[in-house]
Amino acid sequence: MKNHIAELRKNEGLTQQQLADAVAVTRQTIISLENGRYTASLPLAFKLSAFFCRPIEELFEMDDE
């Protein structure tokens, strides 16, 4: 699953740690999300969606595989 977390975070001028603190996860979780090594759980996806004020569909997209 692809995501636009890094792009959105950078557009907001946030560090990975600041985003992690805002959605109550570790910085390592944000790093793994941004690098595509981790797929967000549904609760985390909702937190990120609310934080960025965007629908989940704008944050995540399915790979063609």
N, C-alpha and C. Protein backbone atom coordinates (compact mmCIF):
# COMPACT_ATOMS: atom_id res chain seq x y z
N MET A 1 0.84 -1.17 0.00
CA MET A 1 0.00 0.00 0.00
C MET A 1 0.90 1.24 0.00
N LYS A 2 0.61 2.15 -0.90
CA LYS A 2 1.36 3.40 -0.97
C LYS A 2 0.68 4.44 -0.07
N ASN A 3 1.47 5.42 0.38
CA ASN A 3 0.87 6.49 1.16
C ASN A 3 1.57 7.81 0.86
N HIS A 4 0.93 8.88 1.28
CA HIS A 4 1.44 10.23 1.05
C HIS A 4 1.77 10.92 2.37
N ILE A 5 2.10 10.13 3.38
CA ILE A 5 2.36 10.67 4.71
C ILE A 5 3.56 11.60 4.72
N ALA A 6 4.67 11.19 4.12
CA ALA A 6 5.88 12.02 4.13
C ALA A 6 5.62 13.36 3.44
N GLU A 7 4.95 13.31 2.31
CA GLU A 7 4.64 14.54 1.56
C GLU A 7 3.77 15.49 2.39
N LEU A 8 2.73 14.95 2.99
CA LEU A 8 1.83 15.78 3.80
C LEU A 8 2.55 16.33 5.02
N ARG A 9 3.35 15.49 5.65
CA ARG A 9 4.10 15.92 6.83
C ARG A 9 5.04 17.07 6.48
N LYS A 10 5.77 16.92 5.39
CA LYS A 10 6.72 17.95 4.98
C LYS A 10 6.00 19.24 4.59
N ASN A 11 4.85 19.12 3.93
CA ASN A 11 4.07 20.30 3.56
C ASN A 11 3.61 21.07 4.79
N GLU A 12 3.39 20.37 5.88
CA GLU A 12 2.97 21.01 7.14
C GLU A 12 4.16 21.51 7.96
N GLY A 13 5.38 21.20 7.49
CA GLY A 13 6.58 21.65 8.20
C GLY A 13 6.83 20.90 9.50
N LEU A 14 6.40 19.64 9.53
CA LEU A 14 6.53 18.82 10.74
C LEU A 14 7.70 17.85 10.64
N THR A 15 8.30 17.57 11.77
CA THR A 15 9.29 16.50 11.83
C THR A 15 8.54 15.18 12.00
N GLN A 16 9.26 14.09 11.79
CA GLN A 16 8.66 12.78 12.03
C GLN A 16 8.25 12.64 13.49
N GLN A 17 9.07 13.16 14.40
CA GLN A 17 8.75 13.07 15.82
C GLN A 17 7.49 13.87 16.16
N GLN A 18 7.34 15.04 15.59
CA GLN A 18 6.15 15.85 15.86
C GLN A 18 4.88 15.15 15.39
N LEU A 19 4.95 14.53 14.22
CA LEU A 19 3.78 13.80 13.72
C LEU A 19 3.51 12.59 14.62
N ALA A 20 4.56 11.88 14.98
CA ALA A 20 4.41 10.72 15.85
C ALA A 20 3.74 11.11 17.17
N ASP A 21 4.19 12.20 17.76
CA ASP A 21 3.60 12.67 19.01
C ASP A 21 2.12 13.03 18.82
N ALA A 22 1.80 13.64 17.70
CA ALA A 22 0.43 14.10 17.44
C ALA A 22 -0.55 12.93 17.30
N VAL A 23 -0.07 11.80 16.79
CA VAL A 23 -0.97 10.65 16.59
C VAL A 23 -0.66 9.49 17.54
N ALA A 24 0.17 9.77 18.54
CA ALA A 24 0.46 8.82 19.62
C ALA A 24 1.08 7.50 19.16
N VAL A 25 2.11 7.62 18.30
CA VAL A 25 2.91 6.45 17.92
C VAL A 25 4.38 6.83 18.06
N THR A 26 5.26 5.90 17.80
CA THR A 26 6.69 6.19 17.87
C THR A 26 7.18 6.79 16.55
N ARG A 27 8.31 7.45 16.63
CA ARG A 27 8.94 8.00 15.43
C ARG A 27 9.28 6.86 14.46
N GLN A 28 9.66 5.72 15.01
CA GLN A 28 9.99 4.57 14.17
C GLN A 28 8.78 4.10 13.36
N THR A 29 7.59 4.22 13.94
CA THR A 29 6.37 3.86 13.20
C THR A 29 6.17 4.79 12.02
N ILE A 30 6.38 6.08 12.23
CA ILE A 30 6.24 7.05 11.14
C ILE A 30 7.29 6.77 10.06
N ILE A 31 8.52 6.50 10.47
CA ILE A 31 9.57 6.18 9.50
C ILE A 31 9.18 4.96 8.67
N SER A 32 8.71 3.92 9.34
CA SER A 32 8.33 2.69 8.64
C SER A 32 7.15 2.93 7.70
N LEU A 33 6.19 3.74 8.14
CA LEU A 33 5.05 4.09 7.29
C LEU A 33 5.52 4.80 6.03
N GLU A 34 6.34 5.83 6.23
CA GLU A 34 6.81 6.62 5.10
C GLU A 34 7.65 5.81 4.13
N ASN A 35 8.37 4.83 4.62
CA ASN A 35 9.22 3.99 3.77
C ASN A 35 8.50 2.78 3.20
N GLY A 36 7.22 2.63 3.53
CA GLY A 36 6.43 1.53 2.98
C GLY A 36 6.70 0.18 3.62
N ARG A 37 7.36 0.17 4.77
CA ARG A 37 7.64 -1.09 5.45
C ARG A 37 6.53 -1.47 6.42
N TYR A 38 5.59 -0.57 6.64
CA TYR A 38 4.52 -0.79 7.61
C TYR A 38 3.24 -0.23 7.03
N THR A 39 2.16 -0.98 7.14
CA THR A 39 0.85 -0.52 6.73
C THR A 39 0.09 -0.12 7.98
N ALA A 40 -0.46 1.06 7.96
CA ALA A 40 -1.15 1.60 9.13
C ALA A 40 -2.36 0.75 9.49
N SER A 41 -2.55 0.58 10.79
CA SER A 41 -3.78 -0.05 11.27
C SER A 41 -4.93 0.91 10.98
N LEU A 42 -6.15 0.41 11.04
CA LEU A 42 -7.31 1.26 10.80
C LEU A 42 -7.39 2.40 11.81
N PRO A 43 -7.19 2.15 13.12
CA PRO A 43 -7.21 3.27 14.06
C PRO A 43 -6.15 4.34 13.75
N LEU A 44 -4.96 3.91 13.37
CA LEU A 44 -3.91 4.87 13.03
C LEU A 44 -4.27 5.63 11.75
N ALA A 45 -4.83 4.94 10.78
CA ALA A 45 -5.24 5.61 9.54
C ALA A 45 -6.27 6.70 9.84
N PHE A 46 -7.22 6.41 10.73
CA PHE A 46 -8.21 7.42 11.11
C PHE A 46 -7.56 8.59 11.85
N LYS A 47 -6.59 8.32 12.71
CA LYS A 47 -5.89 9.40 13.42
C LYS A 47 -5.15 10.30 12.43
N LEU A 48 -4.46 9.69 11.48
CA LEU A 48 -3.73 10.47 10.48
C LEU A 48 -4.69 11.27 9.61
N SER A 49 -5.79 10.66 9.24
CA SER A 49 -6.80 11.33 8.45
C SER A 49 -7.34 12.56 9.18
N ALA A 50 -7.66 12.40 10.44
CA ALA A 50 -8.17 13.52 11.24
C ALA A 50 -7.09 14.59 11.43
N PHE A 51 -5.86 14.17 11.67
CA PHE A 51 -4.78 15.13 11.88
C PHE A 51 -4.57 16.01 10.65
N PHE A 52 -4.54 15.39 9.47
CA PHE A 52 -4.30 16.13 8.24
C PHE A 52 -5.59 16.72 7.64
N CYS A 53 -6.74 16.42 8.26
CA CYS A 53 -8.04 16.91 7.78
C CYS A 53 -8.28 16.52 6.32
N ARG A 54 -8.00 15.25 6.04
CA ARG A 54 -8.18 14.71 4.69
C ARG A 54 -8.79 13.32 4.79
N PRO A 55 -9.55 12.92 3.80
CA PRO A 55 -10.09 11.56 3.83
C PRO A 55 -8.96 10.52 3.72
N ILE A 56 -9.21 9.38 4.29
CA ILE A 56 -8.22 8.29 4.26
C ILE A 56 -7.77 7.99 2.84
N GLU A 57 -8.68 8.08 1.89
CA GLU A 57 -8.36 7.77 0.50
C GLU A 57 -7.30 8.70 -0.08
N GLU A 58 -7.16 9.90 0.49
CA GLU A 58 -6.12 10.82 0.02
C GLU A 58 -4.76 10.51 0.65
N LEU A 59 -4.77 9.80 1.77
CA LEU A 59 -3.52 9.46 2.44
C LEU A 59 -2.94 8.14 1.95
N PHE A 60 -3.82 7.20 1.64
CA PHE A 60 -3.38 5.85 1.27
C PHE A 60 -4.00 5.43 -0.05
N GLU A 61 -3.24 4.64 -0.81
CA GLU A 61 -3.78 4.07 -2.04
C GLU A 61 -3.23 2.66 -2.22
N MET A 62 -4.05 1.83 -2.77
CA MET A 62 -3.66 0.43 -2.97
C MET A 62 -2.65 0.31 -4.11
N ASP A 63 -1.69 -0.58 -3.95
CA ASP A 63 -0.77 -0.89 -5.04
C ASP A 63 -1.54 -1.62 -6.13
N ASP A 64 -1.02 -1.60 -7.33
CA ASP A 64 -1.66 -2.30 -8.43
C ASP A 64 -1.52 -3.81 -8.35
N GLU A 65 -0.65 -4.27 -7.46
CA GLU A 65 -0.38 -5.71 -7.36
C GLU A 65 -1.54 -6.46 -6.80
